[in-house]
C-alpha atoms as a PDB file:
ATOM      1  CA  MET A   1      21.488 -36.185 -24.143  1.00  0.00           C
ATOM      2  CA  GLU A   2      21.219 -32.530 -25.009  1.00  0.00           C
ATOM      3  CA  PHE A   3      17.775 -32.243 -23.368  1.00  0.00           C
ATOM      4  CA  SER A   4      18.958 -34.042 -20.230  1.00  0.00           C
ATOM      5  CA  GLY A   5      21.520 -31.308 -19.747  1.00  0.00           C
ATOM      6  CA  LEU A   6      19.018 -28.543 -20.332  1.00  0.00           C
ATOM      7  CA  PHE A   7      16.630 -29.502 -17.543  1.00  0.00           C
ATOM      8  CA  PRO A   8      19.081 -29.119 -14.641  1.00  0.00           C
ATOM      9  CA  ALA A   9      20.286 -25.841 -16.118  1.00  0.00           C
ATOM     10  CA  ALA A  10      16.726 -24.539 -16.419  1.00  0.00           C
ATOM     11  CA  LEU A  11      15.938 -25.676 -12.873  1.00  0.00           C
ATOM     12  CA  ALA A  12      19.054 -23.967 -11.549  1.00  0.00           C
ATOM     13  CA  ALA A  13      18.113 -20.770 -13.351  1.00  0.00           C
ATOM     14  CA  LEU A  14      14.604 -20.908 -11.877  1.00  0.00           C
ATOM     15  CA  ILE A  15      15.974 -21.409  -8.374  1.00  0.00           C
ATOM     16  CA  TYR A  16      18.411 -18.548  -8.872  1.00  0.00           C
ATOM     17  CA  LEU A  17      15.656 -16.196 -10.014  1.00  0.00           C
ATOM     18  CA  SER A  18      13.459 -17.212  -7.076  1.00  0.00           C
ATOM     19  CA  VAL A  19      16.269 -16.631  -4.565  1.00  0.00           C
ATOM     20  CA  ALA A  20      17.176 -13.318  -6.210  1.00  0.00           C
ATOM     21  CA  SER A  21      13.551 -12.208  -6.000  1.00  0.00           C
ATOM     22  CA  CYS A  22      13.343 -13.170  -2.339  1.00  0.00           C
ATOM     23  CA  ASN A  23      16.567 -11.305  -1.616  1.00  0.00           C
ATOM     24  CA  SER A  24      15.258  -8.147  -3.288  1.00  0.00           C
ATOM     25  CA  GLU A  25      12.044  -8.404  -1.274  1.00  0.00           C
ATOM     26  CA  GLY A  26      14.086  -8.847   1.889  1.00  0.00           C
ATOM     27  CA  ASP A  27      16.124  -5.777   0.962  1.00  0.00           C
ATOM     28  CA  ALA A  28      12.923  -3.762   0.526  1.00  0.00           C
ATOM     29  CA  LEU A  29      11.539  -4.844   3.886  1.00  0.00           C
ATOM     30  CA  TYR A  30      14.833  -4.234   5.632  1.00  0.00           C
ATOM     31  CA  ALA A  31      14.847  -0.717   4.170  1.00  0.00           C
ATOM     32  CA  LEU A  32      11.430  -0.286   5.788  1.00  0.00           C
ATOM     33  CA  ARG A  33      12.761  -1.578   9.091  1.00  0.00           C
ATOM     34  CA  ARG A  34      15.612   0.949   9.025  1.00  0.00           C
ATOM     35  CA  SER A  35      13.184   3.808   8.409  1.00  0.00           C
ATOM     36  CA  LEU A  36      10.866   2.895  11.291  1.00  0.00           C
ATOM     37  CA  ILE A  37      11.204   3.499  15.016  1.00  0.00           C
ATOM     38  CA  ASP A  38      10.293   0.277  16.796  1.00  0.00           C
ATOM     39  CA  PRO A  39      10.210   0.722  20.596  1.00  0.00           C
ATOM     40  CA  GLU A  40       8.624  -2.686  21.187  1.00  0.00           C
ATOM     41  CA  ASN A  41      11.056  -4.595  18.932  1.00  0.00           C
ATOM     42  CA  VAL A  42       8.333  -6.147  16.806  1.00  0.00           C
ATOM     43  CA  LEU A  43      10.784  -6.090  13.879  1.00  0.00           C
ATOM     44  CA  GLN A  44      13.604  -7.801  15.754  1.00  0.00           C
ATOM     45  CA  SER A  45      13.375 -10.928  13.578  1.00  0.00           C
ATOM     46  CA  TRP A  46      13.862  -8.925  10.338  1.00  0.00           C
ATOM     47  CA  ASP A  47      17.425 -10.125   9.833  1.00  0.00           C
ATOM     48  CA  PRO A  48      18.900  -9.232   6.414  1.00  0.00           C
ATOM     49  CA  THR A  49      21.488 -12.045   6.649  1.00  0.00           C
ATOM     50  CA  LEU A  50      18.807 -14.714   6.171  1.00  0.00           C
ATOM     51  CA  VAL A  51      18.203 -16.222   2.715  1.00  0.00           C
ATOM     52  CA  ASN A  52      14.717 -14.721   2.473  1.00  0.00           C
ATOM     53  CA  PRO A  53      12.281 -12.809   4.681  1.00  0.00           C
ATOM     54  CA  CYS A  54       9.712 -15.612   4.905  1.00  0.00           C
ATOM     55  CA  THR A  55      10.904 -16.574   8.397  1.00  0.00           C
ATOM     56  CA  TRP A  56      10.425 -13.063   9.739  1.00  0.00           C
ATOM     57  CA  PHE A  57       7.555 -12.340  12.113  1.00  0.00           C
ATOM     58  CA  HIS A  58       4.641 -10.356  10.626  1.00  0.00           C
ATOM     59  CA  VAL A  59       5.600 -11.436   7.071  1.00  0.00           C
ATOM     60  CA  THR A  60       3.683 -14.054   5.075  1.00  0.00           C
ATOM     61  CA  CYS A  61       4.934 -15.703   1.883  1.00  0.00           C
ATOM     62  CA  ASP A  62       3.445 -17.949  -0.760  1.00  0.00           C
ATOM     63  CA  ARG A  63       4.774 -21.389  -1.753  1.00  0.00           C
ATOM     64  CA  ARG A  64       7.424 -19.782  -3.958  1.00  0.00           C
ATOM     65  CA  ASN A  65       8.709 -17.664  -1.063  1.00  0.00           C
ATOM     66  CA  HIS A  66       7.325 -14.407  -2.408  1.00  0.00           C
ATOM     67  CA  VAL A  67       6.121 -11.919   0.203  1.00  0.00           C
ATOM     68  CA  THR A  68       2.330 -11.660   0.085  1.00  0.00           C
ATOM     69  CA  ARG A  69       1.478 -10.025   3.428  1.00  0.00           C
ATOM     70  CA  VAL A  70       3.016  -7.513   5.787  1.00  0.00           C
ATOM     71  CA  ASP A  71       0.993  -7.295   9.018  1.00  0.00           C
ATOM     72  CA  LEU A  72       2.204  -4.493  11.276  1.00  0.00           C
ATOM     73  CA  GLY A  73      -1.054  -3.003  12.457  1.00  0.00           C
ATOM     74  CA  ASN A  74      -1.232  -1.530  15.973  1.00  0.00           C
ATOM     75  CA  ALA A  75       2.487  -2.128  16.570  1.00  0.00           C
ATOM     76  CA  ASN A  76       3.446   1.277  18.038  1.00  0.00           C
ATOM     77  CA  LEU A  77       5.674   2.039  15.069  1.00  0.00           C
ATOM     78  CA  SER A  78       6.725   5.519  13.976  1.00  0.00           C
ATOM     79  CA  GLY A  79       9.008   6.846  11.262  1.00  0.00           C
ATOM     80  CA  VAL A  80       8.300   6.940   7.523  1.00  0.00           C
ATOM     81  CA  LEU A  81       7.583   4.571   4.659  1.00  0.00           C
ATOM     82  CA  VAL A  82      10.171   3.949   1.951  1.00  0.00           C
ATOM     83  CA  PRO A  83       9.887   3.836  -1.861  1.00  0.00           C
ATOM     84  CA  GLU A  84      11.519   0.385  -1.863  1.00  0.00           C
ATOM     85  CA  LEU A  85       8.148  -1.062  -0.888  1.00  0.00           C
ATOM     86  CA  GLY A  86       7.168  -0.712  -4.536  1.00  0.00           C
ATOM     87  CA  SER A  87       9.393  -3.692  -5.391  1.00  0.00           C
ATOM     88  CA  LEU A  88       7.160  -6.154  -3.490  1.00  0.00           C
ATOM     89  CA  GLN A  89       5.458  -7.258  -6.688  1.00  0.00           C
ATOM     90  CA  HIS A  90       3.573 -10.170  -5.087  1.00  0.00           C
ATOM     91  CA  LEU A  91       2.334  -8.258  -2.047  1.00  0.00           C
ATOM     92  CA  GLN A  92      -1.420  -8.558  -1.504  1.00  0.00           C
ATOM     93  CA  TYR A  93      -1.896  -7.082   1.977  1.00  0.00           C
ATOM     94  CA  LEU A  94      -0.082  -4.093   3.447  1.00  0.00           C
ATOM     95  CA  GLU A  95      -1.420  -3.607   6.967  1.00  0.00           C
ATOM     96  CA  LEU A  96       0.125  -0.638   8.806  1.00  0.00           C
ATOM     97  CA  TYR A  97      -2.937   0.756  10.577  1.00  0.00           C
ATOM     98  CA  LYS A  98      -2.999   2.266  14.087  1.00  0.00           C
ATOM     99  CA  ASN A  99       0.619   3.354  14.290  1.00  0.00           C
ATOM    100  CA  ASN A 100       2.351   6.741  14.339  1.00  0.00           C
ATOM    101  CA  ILE A 101       3.879   6.616  10.870  1.00  0.00           C
ATOM    102  CA  ARG A 102       4.312  10.053   9.332  1.00  0.00           C
ATOM    103  CA  GLY A 103       5.391  11.604   6.055  1.00  0.00           C
ATOM    104  CA  LYS A 104       4.038  11.027   2.575  1.00  0.00           C
ATOM    105  CA  ILE A 105       2.522   7.856   1.179  1.00  0.00           C
ATOM    106  CA  PRO A 106       5.117   6.778  -1.420  1.00  0.00           C
ATOM    107  CA  GLU A 107       4.013   6.988  -5.044  1.00  0.00           C
ATOM    108  CA  GLU A 108       5.825   3.688  -5.548  1.00  0.00           C
ATOM    109  CA  LEU A 109       2.984   1.870  -3.802  1.00  0.00           C
ATOM    110  CA  GLY A 110       1.205   2.225  -7.143  1.00  0.00           C
ATOM    111  CA  GLN A 111       3.582  -0.457  -8.473  1.00  0.00           C
ATOM    112  CA  LEU A 112       2.086  -3.151  -6.210  1.00  0.00           C
ATOM    113  CA  LYS A 113      -0.065  -4.681  -8.935  1.00  0.00           C
ATOM    114  CA  SER A 114      -1.131  -7.652  -6.746  1.00  0.00           C
ATOM    115  CA  LEU A 115      -2.266  -5.511  -3.817  1.00  0.00           C
ATOM    116  CA  VAL A 116      -5.746  -6.317  -2.472  1.00  0.00           C
ATOM    117  CA  SER A 117      -5.755  -4.376   0.790  1.00  0.00           C
ATOM    118  CA  LEU A 118      -3.987  -1.124   1.711  1.00  0.00           C
ATOM    119  CA  ASP A 119      -4.701  -0.212   5.335  1.00  0.00           C
ATOM    120  CA  LEU A 120      -2.899   2.928   6.495  1.00  0.00           C
ATOM    121  CA  TYR A 121      -5.623   4.356   8.710  1.00  0.00           C
ATOM    122  CA  MET A 122      -4.978   6.019  12.075  1.00  0.00           C
ATOM    123  CA  ASN A 123      -1.444   7.230  11.436  1.00  0.00           C
ATOM    124  CA  ASN A 124       0.059  10.666  10.793  1.00  0.00           C
ATOM    125  CA  PHE A 125       0.470  10.593   7.017  1.00  0.00           C
ATOM    126  CA  THR A 126       0.670  13.985   5.311  1.00  0.00           C
ATOM    127  CA  GLY A 127       0.784  15.152   1.712  1.00  0.00           C
ATOM    128  CA  GLU A 128      -1.554  13.983  -1.012  1.00  0.00           C
ATOM    129  CA  LEU A 129      -3.077  10.608  -1.734  1.00  0.00           C
ATOM    130  CA  PRO A 130      -0.935   9.414  -4.674  1.00  0.00           C
ATOM    131  CA  ALA A 131      -2.699   9.247  -8.039  1.00  0.00           C
ATOM    132  CA  SER A 132      -0.485   6.241  -8.787  1.00  0.00           C
ATOM    133  CA  LEU A 133      -2.756   4.137  -6.552  1.00  0.00           C
ATOM    134  CA  GLY A 134      -5.132   4.137  -9.516  1.00  0.00           C
ATOM    135  CA  ASN A 135      -2.804   1.535 -11.069  1.00  0.00           C
ATOM    136  CA  LEU A 136      -3.777  -1.023  -8.427  1.00  0.00           C
ATOM    137  CA  LYS A 137      -6.411  -2.870 -10.446  1.00  0.00           C
ATOM    138  CA  SER A 138      -6.711  -5.702  -7.886  1.00  0.00           C
ATOM    139  CA  LEU A 139      -7.323  -3.366  -4.940  1.00  0.00           C
ATOM    140  CA  VAL A 140     -10.441  -4.113  -2.866  1.00  0.00           C
ATOM    141  CA  PHE A 141      -9.836  -2.231   0.401  1.00  0.00           C
ATOM    142  CA  LEU A 142      -8.346   1.268   0.649  1.00  0.00           C
ATOM    143  CA  ARG A 143      -8.485   2.725   4.143  1.00  0.00           C
ATOM    144  CA  VAL A 144      -6.504   5.872   4.859  1.00  0.00           C
ATOM    145  CA  ASN A 145      -8.892   7.525   7.299  1.00  0.00           C
ATOM    146  CA  ASN A 146      -7.704   9.420  10.387  1.00  0.00           C
ATOM    147  CA  ASN A 147      -4.524  10.871   8.968  1.00  0.00           C
ATOM    148  CA  GLN A 148      -3.516  14.379   7.873  1.00  0.00           C
ATOM    149  CA  LEU A 149      -3.794  13.935   4.120  1.00  0.00           C
ATOM    150  CA  ARG A 150      -4.591  16.963   1.971  1.00  0.00           C
ATOM    151  CA  GLY A 151      -5.373  17.667  -1.664  1.00  0.00           C
ATOM    152  CA  ARG A 152      -8.006  16.105  -3.880  1.00  0.00           C
ATOM    153  CA  ILE A 153      -9.250  12.543  -4.087  1.00  0.00           C
ATOM    154  CA  PRO A 154      -7.476  11.164  -7.173  1.00  0.00           C
ATOM    155  CA  ARG A 155      -9.974  10.509  -9.975  1.00  0.00           C
ATOM    156  CA  GLU A 156      -7.709   7.658 -11.065  1.00  0.00           C
ATOM    157  CA  LEU A 157      -9.170   5.631  -8.195  1.00  0.00           C
ATOM    158  CA  THR A 158     -12.618   5.595  -9.815  1.00  0.00           C
ATOM    159  CA  SER A 159     -11.343   3.276 -12.548  1.00  0.00           C
ATOM    160  CA  ILE A 160     -10.572   0.445 -10.086  1.00  0.00           C
ATOM    161  CA  ALA A 161     -13.586  -1.824 -10.596  1.00  0.00           C
ATOM    162  CA  SER A 162     -12.579  -4.191  -7.769  1.00  0.00           C
ATOM    163  CA  LEU A 163     -12.822  -1.550  -5.020  1.00  0.00           C
ATOM    164  CA  LYS A 164     -15.357  -2.476  -2.347  1.00  0.00           C
ATOM    165  CA  VAL A 165     -14.271  -0.169   0.482  1.00  0.00           C
ATOM    166  CA  VAL A 166     -12.716   3.302   0.346  1.00  0.00           C
ATOM    167  CA  ASP A 167     -12.470   5.301   3.564  1.00  0.00           C
ATOM    168  CA  VAL A 168     -10.752   8.700   3.480  1.00  0.00           C
ATOM    169  CA  SER A 169     -12.652  10.239   6.401  1.00  0.00           C
ATOM    170  CA  SER A 170     -10.996  12.455   9.018  1.00  0.00           C
ATOM    171  CA  ASN A 171      -8.294  14.051   6.900  1.00  0.00           C
ATOM    172  CA  ASN A 172      -7.903  17.478   5.316  1.00  0.00           C
ATOM    173  CA  LEU A 173      -8.919  16.628   1.748  1.00  0.00           C
ATOM    174  CA  CYS A 174     -10.425  19.251  -0.541  1.00  0.00           C
ATOM    175  CA  GLY A 175     -12.323  19.479  -3.816  1.00  0.00           C
ATOM    176  CA  THR A 176     -15.353  17.305  -4.428  1.00  0.00           C
ATOM    177  CA  ILE A 177     -16.280  13.673  -3.873  1.00  0.00           C
ATOM    178  CA  PRO A 178     -16.197  11.492  -7.007  1.00  0.00           C
ATOM    179  CA  THR A 179     -19.358   9.582  -7.822  1.00  0.00           C
ATOM    180  CA  SER A 180     -18.300   7.772 -10.986  1.00  0.00           C
ATOM    181  CA  GLY A 181     -17.143   4.181 -11.319  1.00  0.00           C
ATOM    182  CA  SER A 182     -16.657   2.286  -8.077  1.00  0.00           C
ATOM    183  CA  PHE A 183     -17.226   5.483  -6.048  1.00  0.00           C
ATOM    184  CA  ALA A 184     -20.945   5.351  -6.854  1.00  0.00           C
ATOM    185  CA  ARG A 185     -21.438   2.762  -4.097  1.00  0.00           C
ATOM    186  CA  PHE A 186     -19.461   4.263  -1.193  1.00  0.00           C
ATOM    187  CA  PRO A 187     -21.430   5.817   1.704  1.00  0.00           C
ATOM    188  CA  ALA A 188     -21.073   9.474   2.640  1.00  0.00           C
ATOM    189  CA  LYS A 189     -19.653   8.602   6.074  1.00  0.00           C
ATOM    190  CA  ASN A 190     -16.467   7.367   4.370  1.00  0.00           C
ATOM    191  CA  PHE A 191     -15.719  10.958   3.338  1.00  0.00           C
ATOM    192  CA  GLU A 192     -16.847  12.901   6.404  1.00  0.00           C
ATOM    193  CA  ASN A 193     -14.647  15.044   8.673  1.00  0.00           C
ATOM    194  CA  ASN A 194     -12.776  16.623   5.792  1.00  0.00           C
ATOM    195  CA  PRO A 195     -13.700  20.285   6.354  1.00  0.00           C
ATOM    196  CA  ARG A 196     -12.630  21.388   2.852  1.00  0.00           C
ATOM    197  CA  LEU A 197     -14.204  18.481   0.956  1.00  0.00           C
ATOM    198  CA  ASP A 198     -17.431  19.243  -0.915  1.00  0.00           C
ATOM    199  CA  GLY A 199     -19.804  17.135  -2.932  1.00  0.00           C
ATOM    200  CA  PRO A 200     -20.835  14.704  -4.023  1.00  0.00           C
ATOM    201  CA  GLU A 201     -20.293  15.673  -7.656  1.00  0.00           C
ATOM    202  CA  LEU A 202     -23.547  14.004  -8.643  1.00  0.00           C
ATOM    203  CA  GLN A 203     -25.445  16.927  -7.154  1.00  0.00           C
ATOM    204  CA  GLY A 204     -24.155  19.133  -9.941  1.00  0.00           C
ATOM    205  CA  SER A 205     -24.013  22.174  -7.675  1.00  0.00           C
ATOM    206  CA  VAL A 206     -20.372  21.626  -6.779  1.00  0.00           C
ATOM    207  CA  PHE A 207     -17.703  21.485  -9.434  1.00  0.00           C
ATOM    208  CA  TYR A 208     -14.508  19.475  -9.261  1.00  0.00           C
ATOM    209  CA  GLU A 209     -11.718  21.832  -8.255  1.00  0.00           C
ATOM    210  CA  THR A 210      -8.332  20.699  -9.552  1.00  0.00           C
ATOM    211  CA  ALA A 211      -6.396  23.492  -7.897  1.00  0.00           C
ATOM    212  CA  CYS A 212      -7.160  22.581  -4.288  1.00  0.00           C
ATOM    213  CA  THR A 213      -4.125  21.699  -2.167  1.00  0.00           C
END
């Protein structure tokens, strides 16, 4: 009799945790909506009064109603990203390419441990590429080309063994190009059009400059 009472309680607790998680993910995405300018109303369905964000357009969830994809590429969005995005712990794809989003890339994106693809190319991002992205051990695609990023390429990225594509071309990066770890296989064209970027480091004639900004 004792065990028969435990199962419904455990199930209720599981449902509560799942709903709470979905609500927190919805809060994070709604914070993003509030920070973006959306002239074409592509985010009109992002209604915070719903139980979870899985019914919103451009959002994909898994069977447990966790957000796994945000697809907002080429949507004529502007504004800035928000640190709340770091709470999307099940997110695998963050697709925000070909917009007019400005400001810094939040360091909190380094908390997205399930992230496979980060596509921020062809925007107006400024500041440095966060070193915290080196925590994304599942990351395969990192494309931030055609922005206004400055500073060095974080060496923390070289420790991500899963990386298959890194494109930082057409920014204002400086220092030298890493050649260790996963960076040993990336073509030179993925680093071009950064006037202050030297390298690759493998040549030995250019030293890694930590002070570049």
